[in-house]
Amino acid sequence: MPMKLAFASLTIAAALAATPAAAHPHVWVAVRSEVLFTPDGKIKGVRHAWTFDEMYSAFALQGLGKDGKPPSREELAPLAKTNAESLAEFDYFTFAKYQNAKTAFGPPEDVWLEANDKRIVTMHFTLPLEKPLPSNKPFSFQTYDPTYFVAFDFEKQNAATLAGAPAGCSTSVVEPKPLLAVDTQKLSEAFFANMSPGADFGMKLAARVVVACP
């Protein structure tokens, strides 16, 4: 499935494809994430809120809503379902590590979309870990598109929070290192069009959320 289908219906994808060629990215997402804990203090998953840029939001909401009002959560439910199904192929753009080893998420839960009064779309969903993990070991995650078609950036305030965490736990957002000159020169459509599957250019530009517990 083409990357541009990861967030949208065919109508939205076609509209994106019709825009003039420009350097990546093509979709921008502002991210807020919440790390979830079990009652006994284990890490059980990550809850995301992704707010999309004006252009994507406009495409997503075409034909939805009445009398100039944004569509309801119920009206957006079919698109939320499509998004969740499409994102599975891309691991929901969320890559976690536990004790420096990759750890897996299960299928998303509580997936829904909302549009505010300015018709800006936010996607909410929870990614449960396949099994809860003790919180006294290093846990971190990144949210990124390896091909950089979509740019994910954490919000400046309250970007990563905790829910139900034991006393003394904290989160921090570690920003990526600046790109080397050779990488900056690669930011062109030609480079991304020829990028091999599995290339992780987006990872170099992604912040990392680190959870620390005593």
C-alpha atoms as a PDB file:
ATOM      1  CA  MET A   1       0.000   0.000   0.000  1.00  0.00           C
ATOM      2  CA  PRO A   2       1.441   3.445  -0.909  1.00  0.00           C
ATOM      3  CA  MET A   3       2.463   5.557   2.077  1.00  0.00           C
ATOM      4  CA  LYS A   4      -0.023   8.287   1.208  1.00  0.00           C
ATOM      5  CA  LEU A   5      -2.852   5.824   1.901  1.00  0.00           C
ATOM      6  CA  ALA A   6      -1.689   5.392   5.471  1.00  0.00           C
ATOM      7  CA  PHE A   7      -3.776   8.322   6.647  1.00  0.00           C
ATOM      8  CA  ALA A   8      -6.526   8.731   4.142  1.00  0.00           C
ATOM      9  CA  SER A   9      -9.056   7.461   1.694  1.00  0.00           C
ATOM     10  CA  LEU A  10      -8.301   7.215  -2.021  1.00  0.00           C
ATOM     11  CA  THR A  11      -9.843  10.653  -2.517  1.00  0.00           C
ATOM     12  CA  ILE A  12      -7.378  12.260  -0.138  1.00  0.00           C
ATOM     13  CA  ALA A  13      -4.464  10.323  -1.573  1.00  0.00           C
ATOM     14  CA  ALA A  14      -5.327  11.417  -5.102  1.00  0.00           C
ATOM     15  CA  ALA A  15      -5.504  15.022  -4.009  1.00  0.00           C
ATOM     16  CA  LEU A  16      -2.105  14.793  -2.368  1.00  0.00           C
ATOM     17  CA  ALA A  17      -0.633  13.173  -5.456  1.00  0.00           C
ATOM     18  CA  ALA A  18      -1.940  16.039  -7.586  1.00  0.00           C
ATOM     19  CA  THR A  19      -0.022  18.704  -5.653  1.00  0.00           C
ATOM     20  CA  PRO A  20       3.162  20.094  -7.243  1.00  0.00           C
ATOM     21  CA  ALA A  21       6.323  18.132  -6.530  1.00  0.00           C
ATOM     22  CA  ALA A  22       8.239  19.363  -3.511  1.00  0.00           C
ATOM     23  CA  ALA A  23      10.743  18.018  -1.058  1.00  0.00           C
ATOM     24  CA  HIS A  24       9.491  15.704   1.658  1.00  0.00           C
ATOM     25  CA  PRO A  25       7.576  15.697   3.904  1.00  0.00           C
ATOM     26  CA  HIS A  26       4.029  16.014   2.520  1.00  0.00           C
ATOM     27  CA  VAL A  27       2.012  15.599   5.719  1.00  0.00           C
ATOM     28  CA  TRP A  28       2.803  17.188   9.080  1.00  0.00           C
ATOM     29  CA  VAL A  29       1.655  15.795  12.412  1.00  0.00           C
ATOM     30  CA  ALA A  30       1.947  17.369  15.876  1.00  0.00           C
ATOM     31  CA  VAL A  31       2.238  14.614  18.482  1.00  0.00           C
ATOM     32  CA  ARG A  32       1.240  14.266  22.103  1.00  0.00           C
ATOM     33  CA  SER A  33       1.761  10.898  23.772  1.00  0.00           C
ATOM     34  CA  GLU A  34       0.923   9.394  27.137  1.00  0.00           C
ATOM     35  CA  VAL A  35       2.689   6.344  28.577  1.00  0.00           C
ATOM     36  CA  LEU A  36       0.191   4.099  30.372  1.00  0.00           C
ATOM     37  CA  PHE A  37       0.813   1.965  33.464  1.00  0.00           C
ATOM     38  CA  THR A  38      -0.989  -0.965  35.062  1.00  0.00           C
ATOM     39  CA  PRO A  39      -2.219  -0.733  38.686  1.00  0.00           C
ATOM     40  CA  ASP A  40       0.865  -2.684  39.793  1.00  0.00           C
ATOM     41  CA  GLY A  41       3.232  -0.226  38.118  1.00  0.00           C
ATOM     42  CA  LYS A  42       4.126  -1.907  34.833  1.00  0.00           C
ATOM     43  CA  ILE A  43       4.246  -0.094  31.488  1.00  0.00           C
ATOM     44  CA  LYS A  44       1.290  -1.281  29.423  1.00  0.00           C
ATOM     45  CA  GLY A  45       1.161   0.953  26.352  1.00  0.00           C
ATOM     46  CA  VAL A  46       1.190   4.369  24.700  1.00  0.00           C
ATOM     47  CA  ARG A  47      -1.795   6.617  24.013  1.00  0.00           C
ATOM     48  CA  HIS A  48      -1.321   8.961  21.045  1.00  0.00           C
ATOM     49  CA  ALA A  49      -3.013  12.181  19.975  1.00  0.00           C
ATOM     50  CA  TRP A  50      -1.892  13.195  16.463  1.00  0.00           C
ATOM     51  CA  THR A  51      -3.001  16.586  15.141  1.00  0.00           C
ATOM     52  CA  PHE A  52      -2.722  16.944  11.371  1.00  0.00           C
ATOM     53  CA  ASP A  53      -1.827  19.971   9.299  1.00  0.00           C
ATOM     54  CA  GLU A  54      -4.428  22.192   7.646  1.00  0.00           C
ATOM     55  CA  MET A  55      -4.062  20.691   4.164  1.00  0.00           C
ATOM     56  CA  TYR A  56      -4.528  17.097   5.275  1.00  0.00           C
ATOM     57  CA  SER A  57      -7.391  18.119   7.548  1.00  0.00           C
ATOM     58  CA  ALA A  58      -9.128  19.909   4.679  1.00  0.00           C
ATOM     59  CA  PHE A  59      -8.888  16.830   2.445  1.00  0.00           C
ATOM     60  CA  ALA A  60     -10.004  14.520   5.227  1.00  0.00           C
ATOM     61  CA  LEU A  61     -13.124  16.556   5.990  1.00  0.00           C
ATOM     62  CA  GLN A  62     -14.353  17.061   2.426  1.00  0.00           C
ATOM     63  CA  GLY A  63     -18.116  16.528   2.367  1.00  0.00           C
ATOM     64  CA  LEU A  64     -18.342  16.083   6.137  1.00  0.00           C
ATOM     65  CA  GLY A  65     -20.087  18.337   8.630  1.00  0.00           C
ATOM     66  CA  LYS A  66     -23.175  20.499   8.191  1.00  0.00           C
ATOM     67  CA  ASP A  67     -23.828  24.237   8.125  1.00  0.00           C
ATOM     68  CA  GLY A  68     -20.131  25.012   8.374  1.00  0.00           C
ATOM     69  CA  LYS A  69     -19.743  22.998  11.572  1.00  0.00           C
ATOM     70  CA  PRO A  70     -17.048  20.332  11.942  1.00  0.00           C
ATOM     71  CA  PRO A  71     -18.179  16.709  11.656  1.00  0.00           C
ATOM     72  CA  SER A  72     -18.943  14.736  14.777  1.00  0.00           C
ATOM     73  CA  ARG A  73     -16.895  11.871  16.148  1.00  0.00           C
ATOM     74  CA  GLU A  74     -19.567   9.509  14.800  1.00  0.00           C
ATOM     75  CA  GLU A  75     -19.285  10.955  11.270  1.00  0.00           C
ATOM     76  CA  LEU A  76     -15.518  10.505  11.390  1.00  0.00           C
ATOM     77  CA  ALA A  77     -15.698   6.902  12.643  1.00  0.00           C
ATOM     78  CA  PRO A  78     -15.358   5.278   9.165  1.00  0.00           C
ATOM     79  CA  LEU A  79     -12.214   7.302   8.423  1.00  0.00           C
ATOM     80  CA  ALA A  80     -10.808   6.445  11.863  1.00  0.00           C
ATOM     81  CA  LYS A  81     -11.335   2.762  11.101  1.00  0.00           C
ATOM     82  CA  THR A  82      -9.639   3.085   7.704  1.00  0.00           C
ATOM     83  CA  ASN A  83      -6.697   4.914   9.213  1.00  0.00           C
ATOM     84  CA  ALA A  84      -6.196   2.320  11.935  1.00  0.00           C
ATOM     85  CA  GLU A  85      -6.309  -0.539   9.429  1.00  0.00           C
ATOM     86  CA  SER A  86      -3.903   1.198   7.035  1.00  0.00           C
ATOM     87  CA  LEU A  87      -1.410   2.132   9.735  1.00  0.00           C
ATOM     88  CA  ALA A  88      -0.941  -1.495  10.798  1.00  0.00           C
ATOM     89  CA  GLU A  89       1.347  -2.057   7.808  1.00  0.00           C
ATOM     90  CA  PHE A  90       3.629   0.696   9.083  1.00  0.00           C
ATOM     91  CA  ASP A  91       3.723  -0.379  12.756  1.00  0.00           C
ATOM     92  CA  TYR A  92       1.651   2.710  13.548  1.00  0.00           C
ATOM     93  CA  PHE A  93       4.851   4.732  13.029  1.00  0.00           C
ATOM     94  CA  THR A  94       5.664   3.953  16.678  1.00  0.00           C
ATOM     95  CA  PHE A  95       8.881   2.105  17.497  1.00  0.00           C
ATOM     96  CA  ALA A  96       9.617   1.132  21.099  1.00  0.00           C
ATOM     97  CA  LYS A  97      12.666  -0.240  22.875  1.00  0.00           C
ATOM     98  CA  TYR A  98      12.913  -1.957  26.238  1.00  0.00           C
ATOM     99  CA  GLN A  99      16.392  -2.490  27.643  1.00  0.00           C
ATOM    100  CA  ASN A 100      17.668  -1.397  24.213  1.00  0.00           C
ATOM    101  CA  ALA A 101      15.821  -4.222  22.412  1.00  0.00           C
ATOM    102  CA  LYS A 102      12.836  -3.729  20.123  1.00  0.00           C
ATOM    103  CA  THR A 103       9.491  -4.424  21.766  1.00  0.00           C
ATOM    104  CA  ALA A 104       6.176  -4.955  20.012  1.00  0.00           C
ATOM    105  CA  PHE A 105       2.728  -3.421  20.299  1.00  0.00           C
ATOM    106  CA  GLY A 106      -0.589  -5.171  19.869  1.00  0.00           C
ATOM    107  CA  PRO A 107      -3.501  -3.911  17.712  1.00  0.00           C
ATOM    108  CA  PRO A 108      -4.686  -0.356  18.495  1.00  0.00           C
ATOM    109  CA  GLU A 109      -7.547   0.298  20.890  1.00  0.00           C
ATOM    110  CA  ASP A 110      -9.963   3.203  21.415  1.00  0.00           C
ATOM    111  CA  VAL A 111      -9.366   4.694  17.955  1.00  0.00           C
ATOM    112  CA  TRP A 112     -11.285   7.880  17.146  1.00  0.00           C
ATOM    113  CA  LEU A 113     -11.017  11.133  15.231  1.00  0.00           C
ATOM    114  CA  GLU A 114     -12.156  14.616  16.136  1.00  0.00           C
ATOM    115  CA  ALA A 115     -12.234  17.945  14.311  1.00  0.00           C
ATOM    116  CA  ASN A 116     -12.093  21.251  16.159  1.00  0.00           C
ATOM    117  CA  ASP A 117     -13.895  24.493  15.292  1.00  0.00           C
ATOM    118  CA  LYS A 118     -11.137  25.330  12.825  1.00  0.00           C
ATOM    119  CA  ARG A 119     -11.695  21.932  11.154  1.00  0.00           C
ATOM    120  CA  ILE A 120      -8.274  20.622  12.195  1.00  0.00           C
ATOM    121  CA  VAL A 121      -8.266  16.840  12.600  1.00  0.00           C
ATOM    122  CA  THR A 122      -6.778  14.948  15.555  1.00  0.00           C
ATOM    123  CA  MET A 123      -6.495  11.157  15.684  1.00  0.00           C
ATOM    124  CA  HIS A 124      -6.599   9.457  19.088  1.00  0.00           C
ATOM    125  CA  PHE A 125      -5.605   5.847  19.686  1.00  0.00           C
ATOM    126  CA  THR A 126      -3.914   3.573  22.204  1.00  0.00           C
ATOM    127  CA  LEU A 127      -1.171   1.074  21.375  1.00  0.00           C
ATOM    128  CA  PRO A 128      -1.006  -1.651  24.048  1.00  0.00           C
ATOM    129  CA  LEU A 129       2.264  -3.480  24.492  1.00  0.00           C
ATOM    130  CA  GLU A 130       2.014  -7.193  23.744  1.00  0.00           C
ATOM    131  CA  LYS A 131       2.727  -7.700  27.426  1.00  0.00           C
ATOM    132  CA  PRO A 132       3.196  -5.195  30.292  1.00  0.00           C
ATOM    133  CA  LEU A 133       6.819  -4.483  31.149  1.00  0.00           C
ATOM    134  CA  PRO A 134       8.454  -3.741  34.518  1.00  0.00           C
ATOM    135  CA  SER A 135       8.993  -0.004  34.764  1.00  0.00           C
ATOM    136  CA  ASN A 136      12.345  -0.197  36.548  1.00  0.00           C
ATOM    137  CA  LYS A 137      14.116  -0.995  33.258  1.00  0.00           C
ATOM    138  CA  PRO A 138      14.821   1.472  30.409  1.00  0.00           C
ATOM    139  CA  PHE A 139      11.822   2.048  28.090  1.00  0.00           C
ATOM    140  CA  SER A 140      11.672   4.486  25.189  1.00  0.00           C
ATOM    141  CA  PHE A 141       9.888   5.026  21.898  1.00  0.00           C
ATOM    142  CA  GLN A 142      10.034   7.118  18.739  1.00  0.00           C
ATOM    143  CA  THR A 143       7.240   8.174  16.417  1.00  0.00           C
ATOM    144  CA  TYR A 144       8.363   8.584  12.815  1.00  0.00           C
ATOM    145  CA  ASP A 145       7.820   7.624   9.182  1.00  0.00           C
ATOM    146  CA  PRO A 146      11.004   5.896   7.926  1.00  0.00           C
ATOM    147  CA  THR A 147      10.514   7.380   4.443  1.00  0.00           C
ATOM    148  CA  TYR A 148       9.769  10.877   5.801  1.00  0.00           C
ATOM    149  CA  PHE A 149       6.619  11.236   3.697  1.00  0.00           C
ATOM    150  CA  VAL A 150       4.985  12.186   7.000  1.00  0.00           C
ATOM    151  CA  ALA A 151       6.786  14.469   9.477  1.00  0.00           C
ATOM    152  CA  PHE A 152       6.024  13.808  13.142  1.00  0.00           C
ATOM    153  CA  ASP A 153       7.003  16.492  15.643  1.00  0.00           C
ATOM    154  CA  PHE A 154       6.256  16.467  19.346  1.00  0.00           C
ATOM    155  CA  GLU A 155       4.386  19.436  20.754  1.00  0.00           C
ATOM    156  CA  LYS A 156       6.498  21.953  22.649  1.00  0.00           C
ATOM    157  CA  GLN A 157       4.476  21.568  25.855  1.00  0.00           C
ATOM    158  CA  ASN A 158       3.159  18.384  27.490  1.00  0.00           C
ATOM    159  CA  ALA A 159       4.528  16.331  24.625  1.00  0.00           C
ATOM    160  CA  ALA A 160       4.952  13.151  26.665  1.00  0.00           C
ATOM    161  CA  THR A 161       3.156  12.475  29.936  1.00  0.00           C
ATOM    162  CA  LEU A 162       2.466   9.531  32.247  1.00  0.00           C
ATOM    163  CA  ALA A 163      -0.826   7.939  33.329  1.00  0.00           C
ATOM    164  CA  GLY A 164      -0.965   5.815  36.473  1.00  0.00           C
ATOM    165  CA  ALA A 165       2.815   5.791  36.915  1.00  0.00           C
ATOM    166  CA  PRO A 166       4.490   4.851  40.209  1.00  0.00           C
ATOM    167  CA  ALA A 167       5.914   7.674  42.298  1.00  0.00           C
ATOM    168  CA  GLY A 168       9.218   8.984  41.014  1.00  0.00           C
ATOM    169  CA  CYS A 169       8.685   8.142  37.323  1.00  0.00           C
ATOM    170  CA  SER A 170       9.307  10.800  34.695  1.00  0.00           C
ATOM    171  CA  THR A 171       9.486  11.305  30.941  1.00  0.00           C
ATOM    172  CA  SER A 172      11.860  13.294  28.794  1.00  0.00           C
ATOM    173  CA  VAL A 173      11.923  14.063  25.091  1.00  0.00           C
ATOM    174  CA  VAL A 174      15.390  13.697  23.596  1.00  0.00           C
ATOM    175  CA  GLU A 175      15.711  15.709  20.397  1.00  0.00           C
ATOM    176  CA  PRO A 176      17.580  14.213  17.417  1.00  0.00           C
ATOM    177  CA  LYS A 177      21.081  15.302  16.513  1.00  0.00           C
ATOM    178  CA  PRO A 178      21.331  17.884  13.712  1.00  0.00           C
ATOM    179  CA  LEU A 179      21.621  16.370  10.259  1.00  0.00           C
ATOM    180  CA  LEU A 180      25.032  16.102   8.710  1.00  0.00           C
ATOM    181  CA  ALA A 181      25.575  18.173   5.589  1.00  0.00           C
ATOM    182  CA  VAL A 182      25.509  15.047   3.429  1.00  0.00           C
ATOM    183  CA  ASP A 183      22.061  14.131   4.788  1.00  0.00           C
ATOM    184  CA  THR A 184      20.701  17.640   4.311  1.00  0.00           C
ATOM    185  CA  GLN A 185      21.684  17.488   0.649  1.00  0.00           C
ATOM    186  CA  LYS A 186      19.560  14.349   0.242  1.00  0.00           C
ATOM    187  CA  LEU A 187      16.282  16.114   1.091  1.00  0.00           C
ATOM    188  CA  SER A 188      14.868  16.028  -2.424  1.00  0.00           C
ATOM    189  CA  GLU A 189      12.062  14.205  -4.164  1.00  0.00           C
ATOM    190  CA  ALA A 190      14.547  12.267  -6.299  1.00  0.00           C
ATOM    191  CA  PHE A 191      16.250  10.873  -3.209  1.00  0.00           C
ATOM    192  CA  PHE A 192      13.011   9.759  -1.582  1.00  0.00           C
ATOM    193  CA  ALA A 193      11.619   8.322  -4.833  1.00  0.00           C
ATOM    194  CA  ASN A 194      14.623   5.992  -5.008  1.00  0.00           C
ATOM    195  CA  MET A 195      14.766   5.152  -1.311  1.00  0.00           C
ATOM    196  CA  SER A 196      14.932   1.425  -0.735  1.00  0.00           C
ATOM    197  CA  PRO A 197      12.255  -0.275   1.382  1.00  0.00           C
ATOM    198  CA  GLY A 198      13.183  -0.255   5.040  1.00  0.00           C
ATOM    199  CA  ALA A 199      15.382   2.840   4.786  1.00  0.00           C
ATOM    200  CA  ASP A 200      15.189   4.757   8.036  1.00  0.00           C
ATOM    201  CA  PHE A 201      15.887   8.354   7.069  1.00  0.00           C
ATOM    202  CA  GLY A 202      12.949   9.479   9.200  1.00  0.00           C
ATOM    203  CA  MET A 203      14.524   7.910  12.280  1.00  0.00           C
ATOM    204  CA  LYS A 204      17.409  10.369  12.077  1.00  0.00           C
ATOM    205  CA  LEU A 205      14.939  13.247  12.436  1.00  0.00           C
ATOM    206  CA  ALA A 206      12.814  11.701  15.199  1.00  0.00           C
ATOM    207  CA  ALA A 207      12.815  12.661  18.857  1.00  0.00           C
ATOM    208  CA  ARG A 208      12.852   9.867  21.436  1.00  0.00           C
ATOM    209  CA  VAL A 209      10.621   9.700  24.508  1.00  0.00           C
ATOM    210  CA  VAL A 210      12.464   8.162  27.453  1.00  0.00           C
ATOM    211  CA  VAL A 211      10.675   6.852  30.551  1.00  0.00           C
ATOM    212  CA  ALA A 212      12.665   6.708  33.791  1.00  0.00           C
ATOM    213  CA  CYS A 213      11.402   5.078  36.979  1.00  0.00           C
ATOM    214  CA  PRO A 214      13.228   4.297  40.235  1.00  0.00           C
END
